[in-house]
Amino acid sequence: MYIAIDPGINNTGVILFTLSSDKKFTVINSRLILNIRKFTIEEKLIIKKYGDRVPKLQSILNGVNEVYNSNKDLIKGIIIEAPFYSSFRPQIFGSII
């Protein structure tokens, strides 16, 4: 079993899958972590003090952990796509990297 992550500060995809000997994929679990949303009151306080990346990163961490921890003993590998780099906002992935 493998876990693949497509990172993004606003949308992060996580998929848990198996790969058979004949190279066929079987999806076990998938999750889309959406961070373009209304923030909770607690998150708004954090944003005021630290900026909006902190609650977004916490949301990503929680979502990935949920998928990973449910099957961590069976996971053989982790695949992470390189994050998109925007020349208009080069600092956007500084908090993830």
Protein backbone atom coordinates (compact mmCIF):
# COMPACT_ATOMS: atom_id res chain seq x y z
CA MET A 1 0.00 0.00 0.00
CA TYR A 2 1.19 3.51 -0.80
CA ILE A 3 0.14 7.04 0.07
CA ALA A 4 0.36 9.82 -2.51
CA ILE A 5 0.11 13.52 -1.69
CA ASP A 6 -0.55 16.36 -4.12
CA PRO A 7 0.29 19.38 -1.95
CA GLY A 8 -1.23 22.79 -2.21
CA ILE A 9 -1.88 25.44 0.40
CA ASN A 10 -5.53 25.81 -0.70
CA ASN A 11 -6.25 22.27 -1.94
CA THR A 12 -4.31 19.16 -1.03
CA GLY A 13 -5.09 15.73 -2.40
CA VAL A 14 -4.25 12.54 -0.49
CA ILE A 15 -4.78 9.04 -1.82
CA LEU A 16 -4.09 5.63 -0.35
CA PHE A 17 -3.71 2.88 -2.96
CA THR A 18 -2.33 -0.53 -3.70
CA LEU A 19 -0.40 -1.62 -6.75
CA SER A 20 -0.79 -5.21 -7.91
CA SER A 21 1.92 -7.30 -9.53
CA ASP A 22 0.37 -6.54 -12.94
CA LYS A 23 0.65 -2.79 -12.16
CA LYS A 24 -3.06 -2.14 -11.57
CA PHE A 25 -4.00 0.57 -9.07
CA THR A 26 -6.71 0.05 -6.48
CA VAL A 27 -7.77 3.12 -4.52
CA ILE A 28 -8.31 2.35 -0.84
CA ASN A 29 -9.02 5.86 0.43
CA SER A 30 -8.86 9.38 -0.93
CA ARG A 31 -9.28 12.80 0.57
CA LEU A 32 -9.38 16.35 -0.72
CA ILE A 33 -8.38 18.90 1.90
CA LEU A 34 -10.04 22.20 1.03
CA ASN A 35 -8.61 25.36 2.55
CA ILE A 36 -10.64 27.88 0.58
CA ARG A 37 -13.37 27.98 3.16
CA LYS A 38 -14.72 30.00 6.06
CA PHE A 39 -12.39 29.85 9.03
CA THR A 40 -13.53 29.07 12.54
CA ILE A 41 -13.37 31.71 15.26
CA GLU A 42 -10.26 30.02 16.68
CA GLU A 43 -8.60 29.99 13.27
CA LYS A 44 -9.40 33.67 12.76
CA LEU A 45 -7.53 34.48 15.99
CA ILE A 46 -4.53 32.51 14.76
CA ILE A 47 -4.70 34.27 11.38
CA LYS A 48 -4.71 37.65 13.09
CA LYS A 49 -1.52 36.78 14.95
CA TYR A 50 0.38 34.54 12.48
CA GLY A 51 -1.27 34.84 9.05
CA ASP A 52 -3.55 32.50 7.12
CA ARG A 53 -0.94 29.83 6.33
CA VAL A 54 -0.83 28.48 9.88
CA PRO A 55 -4.44 27.19 10.07
CA LYS A 56 -4.20 26.00 6.46
CA LEU A 57 -1.05 23.99 7.22
CA GLN A 58 -2.70 22.56 10.35
CA SER A 59 -5.68 21.49 8.26
CA ILE A 60 -3.35 19.80 5.75
CA LEU A 61 -1.44 18.06 8.54
CA ASN A 62 -4.65 16.81 10.15
CA GLY A 63 -6.02 15.49 6.84
CA VAL A 64 -2.82 13.70 5.84
CA ASN A 65 -2.43 12.24 9.34
CA GLU A 66 -5.98 10.89 9.24
CA VAL A 67 -5.34 8.94 6.04
CA TYR A 68 -1.80 7.89 7.02
CA ASN A 69 -2.53 6.83 10.60
CA SER A 70 -5.47 4.64 9.59
CA ASN A 71 -3.09 2.35 7.65
CA LYS A 72 0.47 3.27 8.69
CA ASP A 73 1.54 -0.32 9.36
CA LEU A 74 0.68 -1.29 5.77
CA ILE A 75 2.19 1.67 3.93
CA LYS A 76 5.33 0.78 1.97
CA GLY A 77 6.03 4.18 0.44
CA ILE A 78 5.06 7.82 0.22
CA ILE A 79 4.80 9.72 -3.05
CA ILE A 80 4.72 13.52 -2.94
CA GLU A 81 4.26 15.69 -6.01
CA ALA A 82 6.52 18.74 -6.20
CA PRO A 83 4.50 21.82 -5.21
CA PHE A 84 3.58 24.37 -7.84
CA TYR A 85 5.86 27.39 -7.72
CA SER A 86 4.35 30.74 -8.61
CA SER A 87 6.71 33.44 -9.87
CA PHE A 88 4.06 35.98 -8.84
CA ARG A 89 4.14 34.80 -5.22
CA PRO A 90 7.49 33.03 -4.77
CA GLN A 91 7.11 32.92 -0.99
CA ILE A 92 3.81 31.01 -1.12
CA PHE A 93 5.34 27.58 -0.45
CA GLY A 94 8.01 28.72 1.95
CA SER A 95 5.92 27.51 4.87
CA ILE A 96 5.44 24.05 3.33
CA ILE A 97 9.02 23.51 2.16
